Amino acid sequence: MASVATKSRDFHRLSPVWNVVFNLIAGLFSLACVFPFLFVTILSFTDEKTLKRDGYSLFPKKWSVDAYDYIFKAGDQLLRSYGVTIFVTVVGTALSLVFISLFAYAISRKGFKYRTFFSFFAFFTMLFNGGLVPTYIVTTKLLHLQNSVWALVLPLTVNAFYIMIMRTFFSTMIPDAIIESGKIDGAGEFGIFFRLIVPLALPGLATIALFSTLGYWNDWFNALLYIEDPSIVPLQAMLMRIENSMQFILQNTNNPSLGVGVLQSMPQDTSRMAMVVLATGPIVLAYPFFQRYFIQGLTVGAVKE
């Protein structure tokens, strides 16, 4: 019997050779994912003239921070834009989680009388919407959110696709016995949701939070439509304006008032790489944060029926 048990355990155990092979494959895949960002970071610290003469290189002959100097000439505006983007991302993600999870939980319960109507109500918006002009009119004329930071938060708060994802998660991963046990103990609907359902739903909530965080952080279109006040311009919109100003200068090279020296000293390609680093770098920190909750949610106990 002992030999049979040993063979059963060995059947699920990789040999040292295959263990090395699979680790090498995982390492190469990880390197392929990280390498583009590292390469862009290296290019952002490359001298502009060296980049034009030698092309892209992992080991540039001359390093330079001119691209970052050019961008940081915006001064306090860059810090304000970072602050606006962080505020919009944090507040928007929190509101999205609250609204999406409550809506999805309600339509996932078979005992909810109007679950079919509200499910169709959310699904219908995935197929049809009012369009850009009605959205703009509602945001500016009805809600009066123009030149307000809430114009960057509220339009992205609820996403019907995320609601469908969370509804499926609640329906398939949350046992009815969990809810019944809460009712037996005298807990209300909100008590059951926040004390029992949310700890078990952390993997799904972390996924939606990550999607929402990326959506808010990368959003520039709403700022283009609704924001004119420079004090509340988010990071992505500010970087886009810097890029547009560079394009304007390059397209007017025949204008003698601009000066040849300005054009020669302006880091064109490296500044674009620096913008990518500045826009992407902080959001990379979000991945380890959400990974923690993925693991925590997967290790929460379950109910055996």
C-alpha atoms as a PDB file:
ATOM      1  CA  MET A   1       0.000   0.000   0.000  1.00  0.00           C
ATOM      2  CA  ALA A   2       2.835   2.365   0.780  1.00  0.00           C
ATOM      3  CA  SER A   3       4.356   1.845  -2.684  1.00  0.00           C
ATOM      4  CA  VAL A   4       0.997   2.544  -4.359  1.00  0.00           C
ATOM      5  CA  ALA A   5       0.624   5.793  -2.386  1.00  0.00           C
ATOM      6  CA  THR A   6       4.172   6.801  -3.323  1.00  0.00           C
ATOM      7  CA  LYS A   7       3.527   6.182  -7.016  1.00  0.00           C
ATOM      8  CA  SER A   8       0.308   8.213  -6.773  1.00  0.00           C
ATOM      9  CA  ARG A   9       2.213  11.147  -5.328  1.00  0.00           C
ATOM     10  CA  ASP A  10       5.005  10.825  -7.903  1.00  0.00           C
ATOM     11  CA  PHE A  11       2.466  10.877 -10.723  1.00  0.00           C
ATOM     12  CA  HIS A  12       1.657  14.500  -9.921  1.00  0.00           C
ATOM     13  CA  ARG A  13       5.272  15.521  -9.369  1.00  0.00           C
ATOM     14  CA  LEU A  14       7.464  16.971 -12.156  1.00  0.00           C
ATOM     15  CA  SER A  15      10.923  15.594 -12.728  1.00  0.00           C
ATOM     16  CA  PRO A  16      13.820  18.030 -12.195  1.00  0.00           C
ATOM     17  CA  VAL A  17      14.393  18.281 -15.962  1.00  0.00           C
ATOM     18  CA  TRP A  18      10.787  19.220 -16.761  1.00  0.00           C
ATOM     19  CA  ASN A  19      10.716  21.557 -13.787  1.00  0.00           C
ATOM     20  CA  VAL A  20      13.685  23.457 -15.261  1.00  0.00           C
ATOM     21  CA  VAL A  21      12.107  23.474 -18.723  1.00  0.00           C
ATOM     22  CA  PHE A  22       8.795  24.885 -17.509  1.00  0.00           C
ATOM     23  CA  ASN A  23      10.572  27.492 -15.390  1.00  0.00           C
ATOM     24  CA  LEU A  24      12.609  28.587 -18.407  1.00  0.00           C
ATOM     25  CA  ILE A  25       9.454  28.875 -20.502  1.00  0.00           C
ATOM     26  CA  ALA A  26       7.725  30.932 -17.789  1.00  0.00           C
ATOM     27  CA  GLY A  27      10.817  33.112 -17.424  1.00  0.00           C
ATOM     28  CA  LEU A  28      11.032  33.773 -21.166  1.00  0.00           C
ATOM     29  CA  PHE A  29       7.346  34.608 -21.303  1.00  0.00           C
ATOM     30  CA  SER A  30       7.725  37.028 -18.385  1.00  0.00           C
ATOM     31  CA  LEU A  31      10.713  38.649 -20.057  1.00  0.00           C
ATOM     32  CA  ALA A  32       8.736  39.069 -23.269  1.00  0.00           C
ATOM     33  CA  CYS A  33       6.029  40.887 -21.296  1.00  0.00           C
ATOM     34  CA  VAL A  34       8.406  43.176 -19.399  1.00  0.00           C
ATOM     35  CA  PHE A  35      10.938  43.837 -22.156  1.00  0.00           C
ATOM     36  CA  PRO A  36       8.896  46.407 -24.187  1.00  0.00           C
ATOM     37  CA  PHE A  37       8.468  48.680 -21.181  1.00  0.00           C
ATOM     38  CA  LEU A  38      12.146  48.353 -20.215  1.00  0.00           C
ATOM     39  CA  PHE A  39      13.158  49.121 -23.790  1.00  0.00           C
ATOM     40  CA  VAL A  40      10.956  52.227 -23.895  1.00  0.00           C
ATOM     41  CA  THR A  41      12.470  53.359 -20.583  1.00  0.00           C
ATOM     42  CA  ILE A  42      15.991  52.981 -21.998  1.00  0.00           C
ATOM     43  CA  LEU A  43      15.032  54.945 -25.114  1.00  0.00           C
ATOM     44  CA  SER A  44      13.577  57.735 -22.996  1.00  0.00           C
ATOM     45  CA  PHE A  45      17.021  58.221 -21.403  1.00  0.00           C
ATOM     46  CA  THR A  46      18.833  58.163 -24.756  1.00  0.00           C
ATOM     47  CA  ASP A  47      20.309  61.309 -26.278  1.00  0.00           C
ATOM     48  CA  GLU A  48      18.154  62.552 -29.161  1.00  0.00           C
ATOM     49  CA  LYS A  49      21.048  62.974 -31.601  1.00  0.00           C
ATOM     50  CA  THR A  50      22.412  59.548 -30.720  1.00  0.00           C
ATOM     51  CA  LEU A  51      18.982  58.026 -31.285  1.00  0.00           C
ATOM     52  CA  LYS A  52      18.696  59.602 -34.734  1.00  0.00           C
ATOM     53  CA  ARG A  53      22.243  58.621 -35.714  1.00  0.00           C
ATOM     54  CA  ASP A  54      22.433  55.065 -34.348  1.00  0.00           C
ATOM     55  CA  GLY A  55      18.770  54.094 -34.135  1.00  0.00           C
ATOM     56  CA  TYR A  56      17.164  52.181 -31.279  1.00  0.00           C
ATOM     57  CA  SER A  57      19.627  50.368 -29.038  1.00  0.00           C
ATOM     58  CA  LEU A  58      19.571  48.603 -25.699  1.00  0.00           C
ATOM     59  CA  PHE A  59      22.957  50.144 -24.884  1.00  0.00           C
ATOM     60  CA  PRO A  60      22.985  53.711 -26.197  1.00  0.00           C
ATOM     61  CA  LYS A  61      26.333  55.415 -26.586  1.00  0.00           C
ATOM     62  CA  LYS A  62      25.119  58.553 -24.863  1.00  0.00           C
ATOM     63  CA  TRP A  63      22.544  58.929 -22.114  1.00  0.00           C
ATOM     64  CA  SER A  64      20.451  62.036 -21.571  1.00  0.00           C
ATOM     65  CA  VAL A  65      17.520  63.326 -19.511  1.00  0.00           C
ATOM     66  CA  ASP A  66      16.613  66.089 -21.989  1.00  0.00           C
ATOM     67  CA  ALA A  67      13.271  64.430 -22.725  1.00  0.00           C
ATOM     68  CA  TYR A  68      12.236  64.575 -19.076  1.00  0.00           C
ATOM     69  CA  ASP A  69      13.534  68.142 -18.757  1.00  0.00           C
ATOM     70  CA  TYR A  70      11.361  69.139 -21.703  1.00  0.00           C
ATOM     71  CA  ILE A  71       8.260  67.555 -20.149  1.00  0.00           C
ATOM     72  CA  PHE A  72       8.939  68.837 -16.630  1.00  0.00           C
ATOM     73  CA  LYS A  73       9.113  72.396 -17.940  1.00  0.00           C
ATOM     74  CA  ALA A  74       5.374  72.318 -17.361  1.00  0.00           C
ATOM     75  CA  GLY A  75       6.313  72.691 -13.691  1.00  0.00           C
ATOM     76  CA  ASP A  76       3.429  72.581 -11.244  1.00  0.00           C
ATOM     77  CA  GLN A  77       1.029  71.638 -14.028  1.00  0.00           C
ATOM     78  CA  LEU A  78       2.502  68.140 -14.218  1.00  0.00           C
ATOM     79  CA  LEU A  79       2.101  67.596 -10.477  1.00  0.00           C
ATOM     80  CA  ARG A  80      -1.464  68.912 -10.573  1.00  0.00           C
ATOM     81  CA  SER A  81      -2.281  66.606 -13.470  1.00  0.00           C
ATOM     82  CA  TYR A  82      -0.849  63.662 -11.563  1.00  0.00           C
ATOM     83  CA  GLY A  83      -2.954  64.607  -8.546  1.00  0.00           C
ATOM     84  CA  VAL A  84      -6.125  64.917 -10.631  1.00  0.00           C
ATOM     85  CA  THR A  85      -5.516  61.544 -12.293  1.00  0.00           C
ATOM     86  CA  ILE A  86      -4.825  59.811  -8.973  1.00  0.00           C
ATOM     87  CA  PHE A  87      -7.963  61.326  -7.419  1.00  0.00           C
ATOM     88  CA  VAL A  88     -10.137  60.377 -10.387  1.00  0.00           C
ATOM     89  CA  THR A  89      -8.703  56.848 -10.472  1.00  0.00           C
ATOM     90  CA  VAL A  90      -9.103  56.146  -6.753  1.00  0.00           C
ATOM     91  CA  VAL A  91     -12.545  57.703  -6.319  1.00  0.00           C
ATOM     92  CA  GLY A  92     -13.840  56.388  -9.645  1.00  0.00           C
ATOM     93  CA  THR A  93     -12.671  52.845  -8.955  1.00  0.00           C
ATOM     94  CA  ALA A  94     -14.252  52.868  -5.485  1.00  0.00           C
ATOM     95  CA  LEU A  95     -17.585  54.132  -6.824  1.00  0.00           C
ATOM     96  CA  SER A  96     -17.478  51.636  -9.684  1.00  0.00           C
ATOM     97  CA  LEU A  97     -16.958  48.741  -7.300  1.00  0.00           C
ATOM     98  CA  VAL A  98     -19.863  49.817  -5.098  1.00  0.00           C
ATOM     99  CA  PHE A  99     -22.384  50.386  -7.882  1.00  0.00           C
ATOM    100  CA  ILE A 100     -21.364  47.446 -10.073  1.00  0.00           C
ATOM    101  CA  SER A 101     -21.171  44.918  -7.236  1.00  0.00           C
ATOM    102  CA  LEU A 102     -24.532  45.925  -5.715  1.00  0.00           C
ATOM    103  CA  PHE A 103     -26.276  45.914  -9.098  1.00  0.00           C
ATOM    104  CA  ALA A 104     -24.721  42.576 -10.102  1.00  0.00           C
ATOM    105  CA  TYR A 105     -25.481  40.944  -6.756  1.00  0.00           C
ATOM    106  CA  ALA A 106     -29.137  41.957  -6.941  1.00  0.00           C
ATOM    107  CA  ILE A 107     -29.715  40.537 -10.426  1.00  0.00           C
ATOM    108  CA  SER A 108     -27.775  37.371  -9.565  1.00  0.00           C
ATOM    109  CA  ARG A 109     -30.260  36.361  -6.826  1.00  0.00           C
ATOM    110  CA  LYS A 110     -33.137  34.181  -8.024  1.00  0.00           C
ATOM    111  CA  GLY A 111     -35.381  35.590  -5.328  1.00  0.00           C
ATOM    112  CA  PHE A 112     -35.186  39.136  -6.718  1.00  0.00           C
ATOM    113  CA  LYS A 113     -38.511  39.778  -8.455  1.00  0.00           C
ATOM    114  CA  TYR A 114     -37.248  42.223 -11.097  1.00  0.00           C
ATOM    115  CA  ARG A 115     -33.944  40.523 -11.911  1.00  0.00           C
ATOM    116  CA  THR A 116     -34.968  39.850 -15.546  1.00  0.00           C
ATOM    117  CA  PHE A 117     -35.933  43.460 -16.174  1.00  0.00           C
ATOM    118  CA  PHE A 118     -32.760  44.930 -14.676  1.00  0.00           C
ATOM    119  CA  SER A 119     -30.584  42.322 -16.408  1.00  0.00           C
ATOM    120  CA  PHE A 120     -32.099  43.316 -19.747  1.00  0.00           C
ATOM    121  CA  PHE A 121     -31.776  46.992 -18.792  1.00  0.00           C
ATOM    122  CA  ALA A 122     -28.007  46.557 -18.342  1.00  0.00           C
ATOM    123  CA  PHE A 123     -27.533  44.270 -21.343  1.00  0.00           C
ATOM    124  CA  PHE A 124     -29.465  46.631 -23.653  1.00  0.00           C
ATOM    125  CA  THR A 125     -26.948  49.416 -23.057  1.00  0.00           C
ATOM    126  CA  MET A 126     -24.175  47.137 -24.329  1.00  0.00           C
ATOM    127  CA  LEU A 127     -25.909  47.015 -27.735  1.00  0.00           C
ATOM    128  CA  PHE A 128     -27.411  50.481 -28.061  1.00  0.00           C
ATOM    129  CA  ASN A 129     -26.531  53.875 -26.617  1.00  0.00           C
ATOM    130  CA  GLY A 130     -27.506  57.463 -27.189  1.00  0.00           C
ATOM    131  CA  GLY A 131     -24.253  58.458 -28.856  1.00  0.00           C
ATOM    132  CA  LEU A 132     -21.752  61.218 -28.255  1.00  0.00           C
ATOM    133  CA  VAL A 133     -23.998  64.261 -28.766  1.00  0.00           C
ATOM    134  CA  PRO A 134     -26.747  63.240 -26.269  1.00  0.00           C
ATOM    135  CA  THR A 135     -24.067  62.199 -23.782  1.00  0.00           C
ATOM    136  CA  TYR A 136     -22.393  65.588 -24.091  1.00  0.00           C
ATOM    137  CA  ILE A 137     -25.715  67.427 -23.693  1.00  0.00           C
ATOM    138  CA  VAL A 138     -26.669  65.423 -20.603  1.00  0.00           C
ATOM    139  CA  THR A 139     -23.254  65.914 -19.009  1.00  0.00           C
ATOM    140  CA  THR A 140     -22.951  69.645 -19.688  1.00  0.00           C
ATOM    141  CA  LYS A 141     -26.513  70.970 -19.826  1.00  0.00           C
ATOM    142  CA  LEU A 142     -28.448  68.644 -17.557  1.00  0.00           C
ATOM    143  CA  LEU A 143     -25.843  67.651 -14.961  1.00  0.00           C
ATOM    144  CA  HIS A 144     -23.692  70.826 -15.359  1.00  0.00           C
ATOM    145  CA  LEU A 145     -20.437  68.880 -14.983  1.00  0.00           C
ATOM    146  CA  GLN A 146     -18.350  70.808 -17.497  1.00  0.00           C
ATOM    147  CA  ASN A 147     -15.018  71.939 -16.015  1.00  0.00           C
ATOM    148  CA  SER A 148     -15.669  69.689 -13.030  1.00  0.00           C
ATOM    149  CA  VAL A 149     -13.596  66.763 -11.873  1.00  0.00           C
ATOM    150  CA  TRP A 150     -16.806  64.729 -11.663  1.00  0.00           C
ATOM    151  CA  ALA A 151     -17.049  64.884 -15.447  1.00  0.00           C
ATOM    152  CA  LEU A 152     -14.038  62.568 -15.411  1.00  0.00           C
ATOM    153  CA  VAL A 153     -15.491  60.228 -12.770  1.00  0.00           C
ATOM    154  CA  LEU A 154     -19.208  59.718 -13.359  1.00  0.00           C
ATOM    155  CA  PRO A 155     -19.276  58.816 -17.099  1.00  0.00           C
ATOM    156  CA  LEU A 156     -17.113  55.742 -16.450  1.00  0.00           C
ATOM    157  CA  THR A 157     -18.610  54.688 -13.128  1.00  0.00           C
ATOM    158  CA  VAL A 158     -20.967  51.952 -14.366  1.00  0.00           C
ATOM    159  CA  ASN A 159     -20.028  49.533 -17.119  1.00  0.00           C
ATOM    160  CA  ALA A 160     -22.639  47.017 -18.291  1.00  0.00           C
ATOM    161  CA  PHE A 161     -20.022  44.474 -19.344  1.00  0.00           C
ATOM    162  CA  TYR A 162     -18.502  44.494 -15.858  1.00  0.00           C
ATOM    163  CA  ILE A 163     -21.987  44.047 -14.394  1.00  0.00           C
ATOM    164  CA  MET A 164     -22.477  40.916 -16.499  1.00  0.00           C
ATOM    165  CA  ILE A 165     -19.113  39.559 -15.354  1.00  0.00           C
ATOM    166  CA  MET A 166     -19.911  40.090 -11.681  1.00  0.00           C
ATOM    167  CA  ARG A 167     -23.430  38.711 -12.059  1.00  0.00           C
ATOM    168  CA  THR A 168     -21.999  35.489 -13.494  1.00  0.00           C
ATOM    169  CA  PHE A 169     -19.422  35.380 -10.704  1.00  0.00           C
ATOM    170  CA  PHE A 170     -22.033  35.791  -7.978  1.00  0.00           C
ATOM    171  CA  SER A 171     -24.324  33.199  -9.592  1.00  0.00           C
ATOM    172  CA  THR A 172     -21.679  30.506 -10.001  1.00  0.00           C
ATOM    173  CA  MET A 173     -19.248  31.078  -7.128  1.00  0.00           C
ATOM    174  CA  ILE A 174     -21.437  32.160  -4.192  1.00  0.00           C
ATOM    175  CA  PRO A 175     -23.422  29.251  -2.684  1.00  0.00           C
ATOM    176  CA  ASP A 176     -26.999  29.895  -1.592  1.00  0.00           C
ATOM    177  CA  ALA A 177     -26.115  28.322   1.749  1.00  0.00           C
ATOM    178  CA  ILE A 178     -23.959  31.362   2.534  1.00  0.00           C
ATOM    179  CA  ILE A 179     -26.946  33.676   2.188  1.00  0.00           C
ATOM    180  CA  GLU A 180     -29.235  31.333   4.076  1.00  0.00           C
ATOM    181  CA  SER A 181     -26.793  31.114   6.974  1.00  0.00           C
ATOM    182  CA  GLY A 182     -26.695  34.894   7.197  1.00  0.00           C
ATOM    183  CA  LYS A 183     -30.489  35.104   7.254  1.00  0.00           C
ATOM    184  CA  ILE A 184     -30.654  32.448   9.975  1.00  0.00           C
ATOM    185  CA  ASP A 185     -28.282  34.559  12.086  1.00  0.00           C
ATOM    186  CA  GLY A 186     -30.572  37.562  11.621  1.00  0.00           C
ATOM    187  CA  ALA A 187     -28.401  39.593   9.224  1.00  0.00           C
ATOM    188  CA  GLY A 188     -30.022  41.994   6.770  1.00  0.00           C
ATOM    189  CA  GLU A 189     -29.360  42.176   3.048  1.00  0.00           C
ATOM    190  CA  PHE A 190     -26.559  44.721   3.368  1.00  0.00           C
ATOM    191  CA  GLY A 191     -25.050  42.823   6.285  1.00  0.00           C
ATOM    192  CA  ILE A 192     -25.037  39.593   4.284  1.00  0.00           C
ATOM    193  CA  PHE A 193     -23.499  41.341   1.280  1.00  0.00           C
ATOM    194  CA  PHE A 194     -20.697  43.211   3.025  1.00  0.00           C
ATOM    195  CA  ARG A 195     -19.864  40.604   5.701  1.00  0.00           C
ATOM    196  CA  LEU A 196     -20.325  37.333   3.826  1.00  0.00           C
ATOM    197  CA  ILE A 197     -20.444  37.920   0.071  1.00  0.00           C
ATOM    198  CA  VAL A 198     -17.696  40.514  -0.376  1.00  0.00           C
ATOM    199  CA  PRO A 199     -14.915  38.422   1.274  1.00  0.00           C
ATOM    200  CA  LEU A 200     -15.776  35.488  -1.002  1.00  0.00           C
ATOM    201  CA  ALA A 201     -16.050  37.719  -4.072  1.00  0.00           C
ATOM    202  CA  LEU A 202     -12.609  39.317  -3.774  1.00  0.00           C
ATOM    203  CA  PRO A 203     -11.211  37.659  -6.946  1.00  0.00           C
ATOM    204  CA  GLY A 204     -14.080  39.017  -9.045  1.00  0.00           C
ATOM    205  CA  LEU A 205     -14.020  42.408  -7.348  1.00  0.00           C
ATOM    206  CA  ALA A 206     -10.258  42.661  -7.819  1.00  0.00           C
ATOM    207  CA  THR A 207     -10.663  41.924 -11.527  1.00  0.00           C
ATOM    208  CA  ILE A 208     -13.307  44.626 -11.950  1.00  0.00           C
ATOM    209  CA  ALA A 209     -11.256  47.047  -9.856  1.00  0.00           C
ATOM    210  CA  LEU A 210      -8.225  46.463 -12.067  1.00  0.00           C
ATOM    211  CA  PHE A 211     -10.240  47.047 -15.239  1.00  0.00           C
ATOM    212  CA  SER A 212     -11.776  50.215 -13.793  1.00  0.00           C
ATOM    213  CA  THR A 213      -8.410  51.491 -12.597  1.00  0.00           C
ATOM    214  CA  LEU A 214      -6.886  51.078 -16.043  1.00  0.00           C
ATOM    215  CA  GLY A 215      -9.909  52.725 -17.641  1.00  0.00           C
ATOM    216  CA  TYR A 216      -9.769  55.787 -15.394  1.00  0.00           C
ATOM    217  CA  TRP A 217      -5.996  56.121 -15.565  1.00  0.00           C
ATOM    218  CA  ASN A 218      -5.840  55.954 -19.363  1.00  0.00           C
ATOM    219  CA  ASP A 219      -8.892  58.123 -20.001  1.00  0.00           C
ATOM    220  CA  TRP A 220      -8.209  61.309 -21.943  1.00  0.00           C
ATOM    221  CA  PHE A 221     -11.300  61.617 -24.131  1.00  0.00           C
ATOM    222  CA  ASN A 222     -13.609  62.900 -21.396  1.00  0.00           C
ATOM    223  CA  ALA A 223     -11.035  65.547 -20.492  1.00  0.00           C
ATOM    224  CA  LEU A 224     -10.909  66.574 -24.149  1.00  0.00           C
ATOM    225  CA  LEU A 225     -14.695  67.018 -24.173  1.00  0.00           C
ATOM    226  CA  TYR A 226     -15.461  68.533 -20.792  1.00  0.00           C
ATOM    227  CA  ILE A 227     -12.309  70.071 -19.284  1.00  0.00           C
ATOM    228  CA  GLU A 228     -10.929  73.486 -20.206  1.00  0.00           C
ATOM    229  CA  ASP A 229      -9.664  74.558 -16.793  1.00  0.00           C
ATOM    230  CA  PRO A 230      -5.889  73.859 -16.693  1.00  0.00           C
ATOM    231  CA  SER A 231      -5.999  73.140 -12.949  1.00  0.00           C
ATOM    232  CA  ILE A 232      -8.052  69.961 -13.402  1.00  0.00           C
ATOM    233  CA  VAL A 233      -6.537  68.566 -16.591  1.00  0.00           C
ATOM    234  CA  PRO A 234      -5.604  64.896 -16.008  1.00  0.00           C
ATOM    235  CA  LEU A 235      -2.211  63.438 -16.838  1.00  0.00           C
ATOM    236  CA  GLN A 236      -3.108  61.758 -20.116  1.00  0.00           C
ATOM    237  CA  ALA A 237      -4.735  64.905 -21.488  1.00  0.00           C
ATOM    238  CA  MET A 238      -1.775  67.038 -20.433  1.00  0.00           C
ATOM    239  CA  LEU A 239       0.707  64.716 -22.150  1.00  0.00           C
ATOM    240  CA  MET A 240      -1.453  64.763 -25.255  1.00  0.00           C
ATOM    241  CA  ARG A 241      -1.353  68.579 -25.256  1.00  0.00           C
ATOM    242  CA  ILE A 242       2.439  68.503 -24.993  1.00  0.00           C
ATOM    243  CA  GLU A 243       2.533  66.105 -27.937  1.00  0.00           C
ATOM    244  CA  ASN A 244       0.236  68.372 -29.946  1.00  0.00           C
ATOM    245  CA  SER A 245       2.393  71.407 -29.197  1.00  0.00           C
ATOM    246  CA  MET A 246       5.446  69.519 -30.446  1.00  0.00           C
ATOM    247  CA  GLN A 247       3.605  68.552 -33.614  1.00  0.00           C
ATOM    248  CA  PHE A 248       2.591  72.177 -34.141  1.00  0.00           C
ATOM    249  CA  ILE A 249       6.199  73.307 -33.900  1.00  0.00           C
ATOM    250  CA  LEU A 250       7.385  70.609 -36.292  1.00  0.00           C
ATOM    251  CA  GLN A 251       4.682  71.428 -38.832  1.00  0.00           C
ATOM    252  CA  ASN A 252       5.683  75.098 -38.813  1.00  0.00           C
ATOM    253  CA  THR A 253       9.419  74.654 -39.312  1.00  0.00           C
ATOM    254  CA  ASN A 254       9.369  77.294 -42.064  1.00  0.00           C
ATOM    255  CA  ASN A 255       8.246  79.930 -39.594  1.00  0.00           C
ATOM    256  CA  PRO A 256      11.380  82.024 -38.844  1.00  0.00           C
ATOM    257  CA  SER A 257       9.946  83.258 -35.552  1.00  0.00           C
ATOM    258  CA  LEU A 258      10.288  79.790 -34.036  1.00  0.00           C
ATOM    259  CA  GLY A 259      14.030  79.662 -34.534  1.00  0.00           C
ATOM    260  CA  VAL A 260      16.181  76.802 -35.729  1.00  0.00           C
ATOM    261  CA  GLY A 261      17.758  76.357 -32.304  1.00  0.00           C
ATOM    262  CA  VAL A 262      14.416  75.552 -30.706  1.00  0.00           C
ATOM    263  CA  LEU A 263      13.752  72.815 -33.228  1.00  0.00           C
ATOM    264  CA  GLN A 264      17.209  71.317 -32.892  1.00  0.00           C
ATOM    265  CA  SER A 265      17.103  71.268 -29.084  1.00  0.00           C
ATOM    266  CA  MET A 266      13.645  69.753 -28.885  1.00  0.00           C
ATOM    267  CA  PRO A 267      13.727  66.005 -28.089  1.00  0.00           C
ATOM    268  CA  GLN A 268      11.101  64.616 -30.426  1.00  0.00           C
ATOM    269  CA  ASP A 269      11.313  60.825 -30.243  1.00  0.00           C
ATOM    270  CA  THR A 270      12.754  60.493 -26.748  1.00  0.00           C
ATOM    271  CA  SER A 271      10.081  62.766 -25.289  1.00  0.00           C
ATOM    272  CA  ARG A 272       7.406  60.440 -26.648  1.00  0.00           C
ATOM    273  CA  MET A 273       9.124  57.555 -24.885  1.00  0.00           C
ATOM    274  CA  ALA A 274       9.328  59.615 -21.691  1.00  0.00           C
ATOM    275  CA  MET A 275       5.590  60.293 -21.895  1.00  0.00           C
ATOM    276  CA  VAL A 276       4.933  56.566 -22.084  1.00  0.00           C
ATOM    277  CA  VAL A 277       7.090  55.986 -18.996  1.00  0.00           C
ATOM    278  CA  LEU A 278       5.422  58.779 -17.024  1.00  0.00           C
ATOM    279  CA  ALA A 279       1.944  57.604 -17.985  1.00  0.00           C
ATOM    280  CA  THR A 280       2.559  53.886 -17.498  1.00  0.00           C
ATOM    281  CA  GLY A 281       4.994  53.723 -14.599  1.00  0.00           C
ATOM    282  CA  PRO A 282       2.632  54.520 -11.704  1.00  0.00           C
ATOM    283  CA  ILE A 283      -0.151  52.244 -12.896  1.00  0.00           C
ATOM    284  CA  VAL A 284       2.277  49.313 -12.926  1.00  0.00           C
ATOM    285  CA  LEU A 285       2.222  49.490  -9.131  1.00  0.00           C
ATOM    286  CA  ALA A 286      -1.464  48.606  -9.184  1.00  0.00           C
ATOM    287  CA  TYR A 287      -0.821  45.071 -10.378  1.00  0.00           C
ATOM    288  CA  PRO A 288       0.932  43.775  -7.218  1.00  0.00           C
ATOM    289  CA  PHE A 289      -1.766  45.449  -5.117  1.00  0.00           C
ATOM    290  CA  PHE A 290      -4.587  43.643  -6.903  1.00  0.00           C
ATOM    291  CA  GLN A 291      -2.614  40.389  -7.057  1.00  0.00           C
ATOM    292  CA  ARG A 292      -2.632  40.340  -3.272  1.00  0.00           C
ATOM    293  CA  TYR A 293      -6.413  40.355  -3.249  1.00  0.00           C
ATOM    294  CA  PHE A 294      -6.594  37.685  -5.931  1.00  0.00           C
ATOM    295  CA  ILE A 295      -4.653  35.332  -3.656  1.00  0.00           C
ATOM    296  CA  GLN A 296      -6.554  36.388  -0.534  1.00  0.00           C
ATOM    297  CA  GLY A 297      -9.910  35.796  -2.199  1.00  0.00           C
ATOM    298  CA  LEU A 298      -8.927  32.359  -3.445  1.00  0.00           C
ATOM    299  CA  THR A 299      -7.934  31.216   0.043  1.00  0.00           C
ATOM    300  CA  VAL A 300     -11.224  32.173   1.725  1.00  0.00           C
ATOM    301  CA  GLY A 301     -13.148  29.153   2.994  1.00  0.00           C
ATOM    302  CA  ALA A 302     -16.190  27.755   1.205  1.00  0.00           C
ATOM    303  CA  VAL A 303     -19.325  25.836   2.090  1.00  0.00           C
ATOM    304  CA  LYS A 304     -19.811  22.167   1.314  1.00  0.00           C
ATOM    305  CA  GLU A 305     -23.387  21.336   0.359  1.00  0.00           C
END
